C-alpha atoms as a PDB file:
ATOM      1  CA  UNK A   1     111.459 -77.099  54.590  1.00  0.00           C
ATOM      2  CA  UNK A   2     114.563 -76.139  51.472  1.00  0.00           C
ATOM      3  CA  UNK A   3     114.076 -74.053  48.779  1.00  0.00           C
ATOM      4  CA  UNK A   4     113.014 -77.061  46.563  1.00  0.00           C
ATOM      5  CA  UNK A   5     110.426 -78.370  48.293  1.00  0.00           C
ATOM      6  CA  UNK A   6     108.608 -75.193  48.897  1.00  0.00           C
ATOM      7  CA  UNK A   7     108.402 -74.673  45.369  1.00  0.00           C
ATOM      8  CA  UNK A   8     108.220 -77.803  43.910  1.00  0.00           C
ATOM      9  CA  UNK A   9     105.260 -78.095  40.967  1.00  0.00           C
ATOM     10  CA  UNK A  10     104.504 -74.601  41.646  1.00  0.00           C
ATOM     11  CA  UNK A  11     104.391 -71.912  38.327  1.00  0.00           C
ATOM     12  CA  UNK A  12     107.352 -69.750  39.149  1.00  0.00           C
ATOM     13  CA  UNK A  13     106.037 -65.775  40.712  1.00  0.00           C
ATOM     14  CA  UNK A  14     107.906 -62.993  41.849  1.00  0.00           C
ATOM     15  CA  UNK A  15     107.420 -61.745  45.802  1.00  0.00           C
ATOM     16  CA  UNK A  16     108.374 -62.778  49.096  1.00  0.00           C
ATOM     17  CA  UNK A  17     106.815 -66.498  49.672  1.00  0.00           C
ATOM     18  CA  UNK A  18     104.192 -67.205  52.057  1.00  0.00           C
ATOM     19  CA  UNK A  19     103.784 -70.612  52.870  1.00  0.00           C
ATOM     20  CA  UNK A  20     100.739 -71.513  54.128  1.00  0.00           C
ATOM     21  CA  UNK A  21     100.809 -75.304  56.089  1.00  0.00           C
ATOM     22  CA  UNK A  22      96.790 -76.328  56.804  1.00  0.00           C
ATOM     23  CA  UNK A  23      94.373 -78.668  56.418  1.00  0.00           C
ATOM     24  CA  UNK A  24      90.711 -78.047  54.850  1.00  0.00           C
ATOM     25  CA  UNK A  25      89.383 -80.131  57.448  1.00  0.00           C
ATOM     26  CA  UNK A  26      90.288 -77.079  60.553  1.00  0.00           C
ATOM     27  CA  UNK A  27      88.203 -74.216  60.816  1.00  0.00           C
ATOM     28  CA  UNK A  28      91.107 -71.507  62.169  1.00  0.00           C
ATOM     29  CA  UNK A  29      92.716 -72.257  58.910  1.00  0.00           C
ATOM     30  CA  UNK A  30      89.824 -71.072  57.161  1.00  0.00           C
ATOM     31  CA  UNK A  31      89.323 -68.359  59.555  1.00  0.00           C
ATOM     32  CA  UNK A  32      93.208 -67.903  58.761  1.00  0.00           C
ATOM     33  CA  UNK A  33      93.033 -67.565  55.533  1.00  0.00           C
ATOM     34  CA  UNK A  34      90.749 -64.505  55.695  1.00  0.00           C
ATOM     35  CA  UNK A  35      93.272 -63.101  57.729  1.00  0.00           C
ATOM     36  CA  UNK A  36      95.817 -63.461  55.841  1.00  0.00           C
ATOM     37  CA  UNK A  37      93.904 -61.817  53.168  1.00  0.00           C
ATOM     38  CA  UNK A  38      93.727 -59.283  55.115  1.00  0.00           C
ATOM     39  CA  UNK A  39      96.981 -58.705  55.627  1.00  0.00           C
ATOM     40  CA  UNK A  40      98.210 -59.317  51.927  1.00  0.00           C
ATOM     41  CA  UNK A  41      96.074 -56.061  50.738  1.00  0.00           C
ATOM     42  CA  UNK A  42      97.825 -54.278  53.100  1.00  0.00           C
ATOM     43  CA  UNK A  43     101.333 -55.476  53.040  1.00  0.00           C
ATOM     44  CA  UNK A  44     103.742 -53.299  51.204  1.00  0.00           C
ATOM     45  CA  UNK A  45     105.547 -56.093  49.344  1.00  0.00           C
ATOM     46  CA  UNK A  46     104.183 -58.585  46.717  1.00  0.00           C
ATOM     47  CA  UNK A  47     103.557 -62.221  48.101  1.00  0.00           C
ATOM     48  CA  UNK A  48     103.903 -65.389  46.844  1.00  0.00           C
ATOM     49  CA  UNK A  49     101.214 -67.572  48.882  1.00  0.00           C
ATOM     50  CA  UNK A  50     101.479 -71.239  48.653  1.00  0.00           C
ATOM     51  CA  UNK A  51      99.443 -73.719  50.223  1.00  0.00           C
ATOM     52  CA  UNK A  52     100.976 -76.965  52.171  1.00  0.00           C
ATOM     53  CA  UNK A  53      99.600 -79.741  53.184  1.00  0.00           C
ATOM     54  CA  UNK A  54      98.659 -81.604  56.588  1.00  0.00           C
ATOM     55  CA  UNK A  55      96.508 -83.798  57.979  1.00  0.00           C
ATOM     56  CA  UNK A  56      94.859 -83.188  61.535  1.00  0.00           C
ATOM     57  CA  UNK A  57      93.811 -86.934  61.868  1.00  0.00           C
ATOM     58  CA  UNK A  58      95.609 -88.707  58.891  1.00  0.00           C
ATOM     59  CA  UNK A  59      93.688 -92.129  60.563  1.00  0.00           C
ATOM     60  CA  UNK A  60      90.449 -91.114  59.359  1.00  0.00           C
ATOM     61  CA  UNK A  61      89.358 -94.136  56.816  1.00  0.00           C
ATOM     62  CA  UNK A  62      89.338 -92.772  52.862  1.00  0.00           C
ATOM     63  CA  UNK A  63      85.523 -92.762  53.284  1.00  0.00           C
ATOM     64  CA  UNK A  64      85.430 -90.508  56.418  1.00  0.00           C
ATOM     65  CA  UNK A  65      83.714 -90.998  59.542  1.00  0.00           C
ATOM     66  CA  UNK A  66      80.442 -89.779  60.423  1.00  0.00           C
ATOM     67  CA  UNK A  67      80.872 -86.617  62.285  1.00  0.00           C
ATOM     68  CA  UNK A  68      78.756 -87.347  65.478  1.00  0.00           C
ATOM     69  CA  UNK A  69      80.616 -90.425  66.056  1.00  0.00           C
ATOM     70  CA  UNK A  70      83.695 -89.018  64.748  1.00  0.00           C
ATOM     71  CA  UNK A  71      82.749 -85.820  67.277  1.00  0.00           C
ATOM     72  CA  UNK A  72      81.600 -87.890  70.610  1.00  0.00           C
ATOM     73  CA  UNK A  73      85.263 -89.825  70.264  1.00  0.00           C
ATOM     74  CA  UNK A  74      87.115 -86.843  70.001  1.00  0.00           C
ATOM     75  CA  UNK A  75      85.702 -84.523  72.560  1.00  0.00           C
ATOM     76  CA  UNK A  76      83.358 -86.899  74.379  1.00  0.00           C
ATOM     77  CA  UNK A  77      80.255 -85.625  73.151  1.00  0.00           C
ATOM     78  CA  UNK A  78      78.806 -83.719  70.323  1.00  0.00           C
ATOM     79  CA  UNK A  79      77.300 -80.948  72.713  1.00  0.00           C
ATOM     80  CA  UNK A  80      81.202 -80.654  74.191  1.00  0.00           C
ATOM     81  CA  UNK A  81      82.370 -80.054  70.903  1.00  0.00           C
ATOM     82  CA  UNK A  82      79.443 -77.257  70.233  1.00  0.00           C
ATOM     83  CA  UNK A  83      80.897 -75.820  73.440  1.00  0.00           C
ATOM     84  CA  UNK A  84      84.505 -75.490  71.952  1.00  0.00           C
ATOM     85  CA  UNK A  85      82.966 -74.565  68.749  1.00  0.00           C
ATOM     86  CA  UNK A  86      81.510 -71.779  70.214  1.00  0.00           C
ATOM     87  CA  UNK A  87      84.819 -70.100  69.986  1.00  0.00           C
ATOM     88  CA  UNK A  88      85.185 -71.219  66.301  1.00  0.00           C
ATOM     89  CA  UNK A  89      81.580 -69.528  65.261  1.00  0.00           C
ATOM     90  CA  UNK A  90      82.278 -66.029  67.135  1.00  0.00           C
ATOM     91  CA  UNK A  91      86.142 -65.784  65.270  1.00  0.00           C
ATOM     92  CA  UNK A  92      84.611 -66.271  62.190  1.00  0.00           C
ATOM     93  CA  UNK A  93      81.646 -64.654  62.881  1.00  0.00           C
ATOM     94  CA  UNK A  94      84.784 -61.181  62.960  1.00  0.00           C
ATOM     95  CA  UNK A  95      86.264 -63.026  59.614  1.00  0.00           C
ATOM     96  CA  UNK A  96      82.971 -62.454  57.869  1.00  0.00           C
ATOM     97  CA  UNK A  97      82.682 -66.606  57.979  1.00  0.00           C
ATOM     98  CA  UNK A  98      79.617 -68.173  58.892  1.00  0.00           C
ATOM     99  CA  UNK A  99      80.501 -71.690  60.307  1.00  0.00           C
ATOM    100  CA  UNK A 100      77.354 -74.271  59.447  1.00  0.00           C
ATOM    101  CA  UNK A 101      79.421 -77.170  60.951  1.00  0.00           C
ATOM    102  CA  UNK A 102      75.558 -78.827  61.660  1.00  0.00           C
ATOM    103  CA  UNK A 103      75.371 -79.548  58.016  1.00  0.00           C
ATOM    104  CA  UNK A 104      78.863 -81.803  58.228  1.00  0.00           C
ATOM    105  CA  UNK A 105      77.510 -85.048  58.365  1.00  0.00           C
ATOM    106  CA  UNK A 106      80.912 -87.055  57.638  1.00  0.00           C
ATOM    107  CA  UNK A 107      84.721 -85.753  58.708  1.00  0.00           C
ATOM    108  CA  UNK A 108      86.641 -86.306  55.445  1.00  0.00           C
ATOM    109  CA  UNK A 109      89.890 -87.765  55.391  1.00  0.00           C
ATOM    110  CA  UNK A 110      91.680 -84.902  53.699  1.00  0.00           C
ATOM    111  CA  UNK A 111      94.542 -86.443  51.574  1.00  0.00           C
ATOM    112  CA  UNK A 112      92.675 -86.610  48.138  1.00  0.00           C
ATOM    113  CA  UNK A 113      92.064 -82.790  48.538  1.00  0.00           C
ATOM    114  CA  UNK A 114      95.590 -81.699  49.496  1.00  0.00           C
ATOM    115  CA  UNK A 115      96.388 -83.423  46.058  1.00  0.00           C
ATOM    116  CA  UNK A 116      93.946 -81.597  44.040  1.00  0.00           C
ATOM    117  CA  UNK A 117      95.596 -78.388  45.762  1.00  0.00           C
ATOM    118  CA  UNK A 118      98.324 -79.394  44.786  1.00  0.00           C
ATOM    119  CA  UNK A 119      97.830 -79.730  40.937  1.00  0.00           C
ATOM    120  CA  UNK A 120      95.429 -76.336  41.790  1.00  0.00           C
ATOM    121  CA  UNK A 121      99.068 -74.586  42.231  1.00  0.00           C
ATOM    122  CA  UNK A 122     100.055 -76.166  38.467  1.00  0.00           C
ATOM    123  CA  UNK A 123      96.663 -74.453  37.099  1.00  0.00           C
ATOM    124  CA  UNK A 124      97.135 -71.394  38.558  1.00  0.00           C
ATOM    125  CA  UNK A 125      93.747 -72.261  40.161  1.00  0.00           C
ATOM    126  CA  UNK A 126      95.135 -73.134  44.042  1.00  0.00           C
ATOM    127  CA  UNK A 127      93.456 -69.580  45.960  1.00  0.00           C
ATOM    128  CA  UNK A 128      90.149 -70.662  44.489  1.00  0.00           C
ATOM    129  CA  UNK A 129      90.116 -74.611  45.348  1.00  0.00           C
ATOM    130  CA  UNK A 130      91.207 -73.989  48.870  1.00  0.00           C
ATOM    131  CA  UNK A 131      88.432 -71.333  49.495  1.00  0.00           C
ATOM    132  CA  UNK A 132      86.323 -73.740  47.479  1.00  0.00           C
ATOM    133  CA  UNK A 133      87.128 -76.400  49.680  1.00  0.00           C
ATOM    134  CA  UNK A 134      86.816 -74.676  52.570  1.00  0.00           C
ATOM    135  CA  UNK A 135      83.403 -72.795  52.199  1.00  0.00           C
ATOM    136  CA  UNK A 136      82.406 -75.836  50.691  1.00  0.00           C
ATOM    137  CA  UNK A 137      82.813 -78.136  54.041  1.00  0.00           C
ATOM    138  CA  UNK A 138      82.662 -75.768  56.482  1.00  0.00           C
ATOM    139  CA  UNK A 139      79.367 -73.421  54.869  1.00  0.00           C
ATOM    140  CA  UNK A 140      77.282 -76.084  52.782  1.00  0.00           C
ATOM    141  CA  UNK A 141      78.570 -79.945  54.316  1.00  0.00           C
ATOM    142  CA  UNK A 142      80.054 -81.054  51.055  1.00  0.00           C
ATOM    143  CA  UNK A 143      81.712 -84.160  51.430  1.00  0.00           C
ATOM    144  CA  UNK A 144      85.479 -83.171  50.447  1.00  0.00           C
ATOM    145  CA  UNK A 145      87.045 -86.578  51.043  1.00  0.00           C
ATOM    146  CA  UNK A 146      84.745 -87.994  48.262  1.00  0.00           C
ATOM    147  CA  UNK A 147      86.274 -88.100  44.927  1.00  0.00           C
ATOM    148  CA  UNK A 148      83.329 -87.117  43.040  1.00  0.00           C
ATOM    149  CA  UNK A 149      82.831 -83.945  45.126  1.00  0.00           C
ATOM    150  CA  UNK A 150      86.701 -82.681  44.442  1.00  0.00           C
ATOM    151  CA  UNK A 151      86.430 -83.148  40.653  1.00  0.00           C
ATOM    152  CA  UNK A 152      83.374 -81.303  40.830  1.00  0.00           C
ATOM    153  CA  UNK A 153      84.850 -78.502  43.505  1.00  0.00           C
ATOM    154  CA  UNK A 154      88.020 -78.309  40.588  1.00  0.00           C
ATOM    155  CA  UNK A 155      85.667 -77.738  37.598  1.00  0.00           C
ATOM    156  CA  UNK A 156      83.799 -75.092  39.648  1.00  0.00           C
ATOM    157  CA  UNK A 157      87.324 -73.251  40.508  1.00  0.00           C
ATOM    158  CA  UNK A 158      88.276 -73.352  36.803  1.00  0.00           C
ATOM    159  CA  UNK A 159      90.019 -76.374  36.262  1.00  0.00           C
ATOM    160  CA  UNK A 160      89.514 -79.586  33.804  1.00  0.00           C
ATOM    161  CA  UNK A 161      87.507 -81.730  36.038  1.00  0.00           C
ATOM    162  CA  UNK A 162      87.789 -84.843  33.301  1.00  0.00           C
ATOM    163  CA  UNK A 163      91.643 -84.704  34.086  1.00  0.00           C
ATOM    164  CA  UNK A 164      91.237 -84.510  38.035  1.00  0.00           C
ATOM    165  CA  UNK A 165      88.922 -87.051  37.736  1.00  0.00           C
ATOM    166  CA  UNK A 166      91.225 -89.237  36.282  1.00  0.00           C
ATOM    167  CA  UNK A 167      94.510 -88.365  38.494  1.00  0.00           C
ATOM    168  CA  UNK A 168      92.340 -89.383  41.606  1.00  0.00           C
ATOM    169  CA  UNK A 169      90.907 -92.565  40.228  1.00  0.00           C
ATOM    170  CA  UNK A 170      94.932 -93.232  40.389  1.00  0.00           C
ATOM    171  CA  UNK A 171      97.488 -92.655  42.846  1.00  0.00           C
ATOM    172  CA  UNK A 172      99.108 -89.704  41.495  1.00  0.00           C
ATOM    173  CA  UNK A 173     101.203 -87.567  43.995  1.00  0.00           C
ATOM    174  CA  UNK A 174      99.899 -89.330  46.838  1.00  0.00           C
ATOM    175  CA  UNK A 175     103.268 -90.124  47.814  1.00  0.00           C
ATOM    176  CA  UNK A 176     104.519 -86.512  47.754  1.00  0.00           C
ATOM    177  CA  UNK A 177     101.665 -85.641  49.565  1.00  0.00           C
ATOM    178  CA  UNK A 178     102.606 -88.336  52.528  1.00  0.00           C
ATOM    179  CA  UNK A 179     106.053 -86.886  52.298  1.00  0.00           C
ATOM    180  CA  UNK A 180     105.601 -83.234  52.220  1.00  0.00           C
ATOM    181  CA  UNK A 181     103.081 -83.328  55.513  1.00  0.00           C
ATOM    182  CA  UNK A 182     106.390 -85.794  57.046  1.00  0.00           C
ATOM    183  CA  UNK A 183     108.682 -83.059  56.792  1.00  0.00           C
ATOM    184  CA  UNK A 184     106.501 -80.434  58.667  1.00  0.00           C
ATOM    185  CA  UNK A 185     105.945 -82.550  60.732  1.00  0.00           C
ATOM    186  CA  UNK A 186     109.884 -83.099  61.281  1.00  0.00           C
ATOM    187  CA  UNK A 187     110.402 -79.014  61.223  1.00  0.00           C
ATOM    188  CA  UNK A 188     108.340 -79.162  63.883  1.00  0.00           C
ATOM    189  CA  UNK A 189     104.690 -78.300  62.482  1.00  0.00           C
ATOM    190  CA  UNK A 190     102.350 -79.267  65.191  1.00  0.00           C
ATOM    191  CA  UNK A 191      99.261 -77.228  64.776  1.00  0.00           C
ATOM    192  CA  UNK A 192      97.599 -75.488  61.530  1.00  0.00           C
ATOM    193  CA  UNK A 193      97.695 -72.566  60.109  1.00  0.00           C
ATOM    194  CA  UNK A 194     101.763 -72.168  60.340  1.00  0.00           C
ATOM    195  CA  UNK A 195     102.734 -69.777  57.891  1.00  0.00           C
ATOM    196  CA  UNK A 196     106.220 -70.047  56.878  1.00  0.00           C
ATOM    197  CA  UNK A 197     107.456 -66.545  55.810  1.00  0.00           C
ATOM    198  CA  UNK A 198     110.422 -66.295  53.252  1.00  0.00           C
ATOM    199  CA  UNK A 199     111.345 -69.691  53.603  1.00  0.00           C
ATOM    200  CA  UNK A 200     112.782 -68.698  57.235  1.00  0.00           C
ATOM    201  CA  UNK A 201     110.043 -66.916  59.997  1.00  0.00           C
ATOM    202  CA  UNK A 202     106.999 -69.113  60.853  1.00  0.00           C
ATOM    203  CA  UNK A 203     104.114 -67.498  62.670  1.00  0.00           C
ATOM    204  CA  UNK A 204     102.049 -69.928  64.424  1.00  0.00           C
ATOM    205  CA  UNK A 205      97.908 -70.161  64.175  1.00  0.00           C
ATOM    206  CA  UNK A 206      95.262 -67.890  63.321  1.00  0.00           C
ATOM    207  CA  UNK A 207      97.163 -64.962  63.926  1.00  0.00           C
ATOM    208  CA  UNK A 208      95.777 -61.508  63.524  1.00  0.00           C
ATOM    209  CA  UNK A 209      96.343 -59.562  60.276  1.00  0.00           C
ATOM    210  CA  UNK A 210      98.499 -57.190  62.475  1.00  0.00           C
ATOM    211  CA  UNK A 211     101.109 -60.073  63.390  1.00  0.00           C
ATOM    212  CA  UNK A 212     101.264 -61.441  59.872  1.00  0.00           C
ATOM    213  CA  UNK A 213     102.211 -57.739  58.689  1.00  0.00           C
ATOM    214  CA  UNK A 214     104.773 -57.747  60.780  1.00  0.00           C
ATOM    215  CA  UNK A 215     105.936 -61.044  60.324  1.00  0.00           C
ATOM    216  CA  UNK A 216     106.093 -59.866  56.270  1.00  0.00           C
ATOM    217  CA  UNK A 217     107.945 -56.936  57.333  1.00  0.00           C
ATOM    218  CA  UNK A 218     110.963 -58.319  59.019  1.00  0.00           C
ATOM    219  CA  UNK A 219     110.956 -61.520  56.355  1.00  0.00           C
ATOM    220  CA  UNK A 220     111.798 -58.321  53.376  1.00  0.00           C
ATOM    221  CA  UNK A 221     113.822 -56.441  55.425  1.00  0.00           C
ATOM    222  CA  UNK A 222     116.281 -59.613  56.055  1.00  0.00           C
ATOM    223  CA  UNK A 223     115.766 -60.739  52.245  1.00  0.00           C
ATOM    224  CA  UNK A 224     116.873 -57.019  51.162  1.00  0.00           C
ATOM    225  CA  UNK A 225     119.962 -57.106  53.999  1.00  0.00           C
ATOM    226  CA  UNK A 226     121.079 -60.238  52.339  1.00  0.00           C
ATOM    227  CA  UNK A 227     121.014 -58.718  48.709  1.00  0.00           C
ATOM    228  CA  UNK A 228     122.975 -55.883  50.097  1.00  0.00           C
ATOM    229  CA  UNK A 229     125.770 -57.957  51.613  1.00  0.00           C
ATOM    230  CA  UNK A 230     129.180 -57.676  49.327  1.00  0.00           C
ATOM    231  CA  UNK A 231     130.104 -60.863  47.664  1.00  0.00           C
END
């Protein structure tokens, strides 16, 4: 990703950039957020964390798909899905996330959720919105593909709900989000979460906080070394 793309529409911040390519219907991305928070709390350098869009399943219709049908198509059966999600539940417990997957009734198309996340960056509420989307979906089964639900989540996270409603009713930033997802795919991102640190180091998957800390240190050292190169 170019520097312009990575920082578009976001207020300026000082610190090492951490671009998190993520999808809010991805349970490992929620786990990755908790591990990132642990690493950030221990980091020796200031971080500028930015959430970037990805869609695990862009073929889902705008209204989403019945969860049980979706799991049957994806894994063969809801029972097989539960076996696979056992690892997710266990990892979530270790990070303080009590996944309530049984509450999810609809598997969402997340494009509009990513539009909201993009706008939240400009409002300085991106982390709050991302957290509300993850928690709403995985803990409470909220329908995060529904425009009305997204407006409520935006308001709860401190954004202007009326403005968000107006934006969602149109096509504002829809193409920009699609293009950013396509850019991530062209860069080789095939799974999420992917953490792009300092614009040069990629950490793939919900890695332990120690792995992220090592990447922060390496990126910061490389940045400092470049700053010290004589012109």
